[in-house]
C-alpha atoms as a PDB file:
ATOM      1  CA  MET A   1      52.752  90.555 -29.486  1.00  0.00           C
ATOM      2  CA  SER A   2      53.200  86.829 -29.201  1.00  0.00           C
ATOM      3  CA  ARG A   3      56.606  85.300 -28.557  1.00  0.00           C
ATOM      4  CA  HIS A   4      55.917  82.554 -31.088  1.00  0.00           C
ATOM      5  CA  PRO A   5      54.548  84.057 -34.304  1.00  0.00           C
ATOM      6  CA  GLN A   6      54.684  80.691 -36.119  1.00  0.00           C
ATOM      7  CA  ALA A   7      52.415  79.098 -33.525  1.00  0.00           C
ATOM      8  CA  ALA A   8      49.947  81.962 -33.848  1.00  0.00           C
ATOM      9  CA  LEU A   9      49.940  81.593 -37.635  1.00  0.00           C
ATOM     10  CA  GLU A  10      49.356  77.853 -37.346  1.00  0.00           C
ATOM     11  CA  ILE A  11      46.393  78.408 -35.030  1.00  0.00           C
ATOM     12  CA  GLN A  12      44.961  80.945 -37.463  1.00  0.00           C
ATOM     13  CA  ARG A  13      45.396  78.485 -40.367  1.00  0.00           C
ATOM     14  CA  ARG A  14      43.601  75.764 -38.427  1.00  0.00           C
ATOM     15  CA  ARG A  15      40.669  78.064 -37.737  1.00  0.00           C
ATOM     16  CA  ARG A  16      40.212  78.970 -41.411  1.00  0.00           C
ATOM     17  CA  ARG A  17      40.621  75.505 -42.885  1.00  0.00           C
ATOM     18  CA  TRP A  18      36.856  75.033 -43.302  1.00  0.00           C
ATOM     19  CA  ARG A  19      36.761  77.996 -45.697  1.00  0.00           C
ATOM     20  CA  GLN A  20      38.730  75.971 -48.230  1.00  0.00           C
ATOM     21  CA  TRP A  21      36.170  73.173 -48.406  1.00  0.00           C
ATOM     22  CA  PRO A  22      34.236  72.791 -51.689  1.00  0.00           C
ATOM     23  CA  TRP A  23      30.928  74.112 -50.344  1.00  0.00           C
ATOM     24  CA  GLY A  24      29.112  74.108 -53.695  1.00  0.00           C
ATOM     25  CA  PRO A  25      29.497  70.359 -54.345  1.00  0.00           C
ATOM     26  CA  ILE A  26      28.739  69.671 -50.675  1.00  0.00           C
ATOM     27  CA  ALA A  27      25.480  71.612 -51.044  1.00  0.00           C
ATOM     28  CA  LEU A  28      24.607  69.740 -54.234  1.00  0.00           C
ATOM     29  CA  GLY A  29      25.265  66.417 -52.511  1.00  0.00           C
ATOM     30  CA  LEU A  30      23.021  67.387 -49.610  1.00  0.00           C
ATOM     31  CA  ALA A  31      20.313  68.495 -52.048  1.00  0.00           C
ATOM     32  CA  LEU A  32      20.440  65.165 -53.847  1.00  0.00           C
ATOM     33  CA  LEU A  33      20.364  63.364 -50.507  1.00  0.00           C
ATOM     34  CA  ALA A  34      17.272  65.329 -49.479  1.00  0.00           C
ATOM     35  CA  VAL A  35      15.498  64.598 -52.744  1.00  0.00           C
ATOM     36  CA  SER A  36      16.358  60.903 -52.500  1.00  0.00           C
ATOM     37  CA  GLY A  37      14.382  60.837 -49.252  1.00  0.00           C
ATOM     38  CA  VAL A  38      11.291  60.439 -51.425  1.00  0.00           C
ATOM     39  CA  PHE A  39      12.341  56.806 -51.934  1.00  0.00           C
ATOM     40  CA  ALA A  40      12.219  56.228 -48.178  1.00  0.00           C
ATOM     41  CA  VAL A  41       8.811  57.922 -47.993  1.00  0.00           C
ATOM     42  CA  GLY A  42       7.545  55.637 -50.754  1.00  0.00           C
ATOM     43  CA  MET A  43       8.825  52.592 -48.920  1.00  0.00           C
ATOM     44  CA  LEU A  44       7.103  53.705 -45.701  1.00  0.00           C
ATOM     45  CA  PHE A  45       3.811  54.346 -47.482  1.00  0.00           C
ATOM     46  CA  GLY A  46       4.101  50.999 -49.231  1.00  0.00           C
ATOM     47  CA  ALA A  47       4.704  49.267 -45.911  1.00  0.00           C
ATOM     48  CA  GLY A  48       1.673  50.982 -44.388  1.00  0.00           C
ATOM     49  CA  MET A  49      -0.690  49.970 -47.217  1.00  0.00           C
ATOM     50  CA  ARG A  50      -0.764  46.246 -46.570  1.00  0.00           C
ATOM     51  CA  PRO A  51      -4.135  44.733 -45.730  1.00  0.00           C
ATOM     52  CA  SER A  52      -4.999  44.491 -42.048  1.00  0.00           C
ATOM     53  CA  SER A  53      -5.877  40.806 -42.388  1.00  0.00           C
ATOM     54  CA  ALA A  54      -2.333  39.886 -43.425  1.00  0.00           C
ATOM     55  CA  GLY A  55      -1.884  37.880 -40.241  1.00  0.00           C
ATOM     56  CA  GLY A  56       1.483  39.428 -39.386  1.00  0.00           C
ATOM     57  CA  PRO A  57       2.217  41.740 -36.506  1.00  0.00           C
ATOM     58  CA  VAL A  58       1.144  45.339 -36.918  1.00  0.00           C
ATOM     59  CA  VAL A  59       4.104  47.704 -36.972  1.00  0.00           C
ATOM     60  CA  ASN A  60       3.732  51.304 -35.879  1.00  0.00           C
ATOM     61  CA  LEU A  61       5.364  53.393 -38.620  1.00  0.00           C
ATOM     62  CA  MET A  62       4.947  56.780 -36.928  1.00  0.00           C
ATOM     63  CA  PRO A  63       8.457  56.818 -35.334  1.00  0.00           C
ATOM     64  CA  PHE A  64       9.975  56.135 -38.748  1.00  0.00           C
ATOM     65  CA  VAL A  65       7.955  58.926 -40.348  1.00  0.00           C
ATOM     66  CA  ILE A  66       9.008  61.371 -37.622  1.00  0.00           C
ATOM     67  CA  ALA A  67      12.660  60.338 -37.955  1.00  0.00           C
ATOM     68  CA  LEU A  68      12.460  60.794 -41.719  1.00  0.00           C
ATOM     69  CA  ALA A  69      10.860  64.238 -41.327  1.00  0.00           C
ATOM     70  CA  VAL A  70      13.597  65.328 -38.906  1.00  0.00           C
ATOM     71  CA  ALA A  71      16.273  64.010 -41.282  1.00  0.00           C
ATOM     72  CA  GLU A  72      14.690  65.915 -44.192  1.00  0.00           C
ATOM     73  CA  VAL A  73      14.578  69.166 -42.216  1.00  0.00           C
ATOM     74  CA  LEU A  74      18.210  68.800 -41.134  1.00  0.00           C
ATOM     75  CA  THR A  75      19.396  67.869 -44.623  1.00  0.00           C
ATOM     76  CA  ILE A  76      17.521  70.713 -46.312  1.00  0.00           C
ATOM     77  CA  SER A  77      18.720  73.302 -43.803  1.00  0.00           C
ATOM     78  CA  ALA A  78      22.321  72.060 -44.032  1.00  0.00           C
ATOM     79  CA  GLY A  79      22.049  72.167 -47.827  1.00  0.00           C
ATOM     80  CA  PHE A  80      20.846  75.776 -47.767  1.00  0.00           C
ATOM     81  CA  PHE A  81      23.647  76.687 -45.359  1.00  0.00           C
ATOM     82  CA  ALA A  82      26.285  75.003 -47.526  1.00  0.00           C
ATOM     83  CA  ALA A  83      24.887  76.637 -50.674  1.00  0.00           C
ATOM     84  CA  VAL A  84      25.105  80.086 -49.105  1.00  0.00           C
ATOM     85  CA  LEU A  85      28.680  79.390 -47.981  1.00  0.00           C
ATOM     86  CA  GLY A  86      29.580  78.128 -51.437  1.00  0.00           C
ATOM     87  CA  TRP A  87      28.155  81.252 -53.029  1.00  0.00           C
ATOM     88  CA  ARG A  88      29.645  83.773 -50.588  1.00  0.00           C
ATOM     89  CA  LEU A  89      33.091  82.166 -50.335  1.00  0.00           C
ATOM     90  CA  ASN A  90      33.217  81.548 -54.102  1.00  0.00           C
ATOM     91  CA  ARG A  91      33.784  77.823 -53.603  1.00  0.00           C
ATOM     92  CA  GLY A  92      31.635  76.279 -56.336  1.00  0.00           C
ATOM     93  CA  ARG A  93      29.142  78.973 -57.270  1.00  0.00           C
ATOM     94  CA  VAL A  94      27.499  77.031 -60.106  1.00  0.00           C
ATOM     95  CA  THR A  95      26.882  73.923 -58.033  1.00  0.00           C
ATOM     96  CA  ALA A  96      25.758  76.073 -55.085  1.00  0.00           C
ATOM     97  CA  ALA A  97      23.213  77.837 -57.302  1.00  0.00           C
ATOM     98  CA  LEU A  98      22.006  74.494 -58.689  1.00  0.00           C
ATOM     99  CA  ALA A  99      21.691  73.130 -55.147  1.00  0.00           C
ATOM    100  CA  MET A 100      19.760  76.214 -54.044  1.00  0.00           C
ATOM    101  CA  VAL A 101      17.298  75.810 -56.914  1.00  0.00           C
ATOM    102  CA  LEU A 102      16.884  72.094 -56.248  1.00  0.00           C
ATOM    103  CA  LEU A 103      16.422  72.615 -52.499  1.00  0.00           C
ATOM    104  CA  SER A 104      13.948  75.446 -53.052  1.00  0.00           C
ATOM    105  CA  LEU A 105      11.870  73.311 -55.382  1.00  0.00           C
ATOM    106  CA  TRP A 106      12.003  70.352 -52.997  1.00  0.00           C
ATOM    107  CA  ALA A 107      11.043  72.486 -49.976  1.00  0.00           C
ATOM    108  CA  GLY A 108       8.191  73.968 -52.023  1.00  0.00           C
ATOM    109  CA  ILE A 109       6.930  70.497 -52.903  1.00  0.00           C
ATOM    110  CA  LEU A 110       7.105  69.364 -49.280  1.00  0.00           C
ATOM    111  CA  LEU A 111       5.425  72.502 -47.907  1.00  0.00           C
ATOM    112  CA  HIS A 112       2.804  72.793 -50.637  1.00  0.00           C
ATOM    113  CA  ASP A 113       0.023  71.123 -48.677  1.00  0.00           C
ATOM    114  CA  LEU A 114       0.883  72.829 -45.408  1.00  0.00           C
ATOM    115  CA  LEU A 115       0.585  76.373 -46.734  1.00  0.00           C
END
């Protein structure tokens, strides 16, 4: 047994603090952030559609597309993770379910042509 039970309780409280976070609204925010990535995709496609005789320097957009794809994958996976935590820990079940539906639809739209 520890000599300082208060210190042990404080350490245990610090470890479990993340369980008190509102995981459902966090998941919904991540889902909305992932869906808003379509605006960035539209801007990249719009930038790539200019005529080649524009006279300006040609910009390679592939690094931006790869960075956006990595950001989408990370945001969608973090949203799924937060939605599962929100559902299992009972920290915003309705918003977690809404986020799960929104993320599932968005992932289905993104993966539609690949499958």
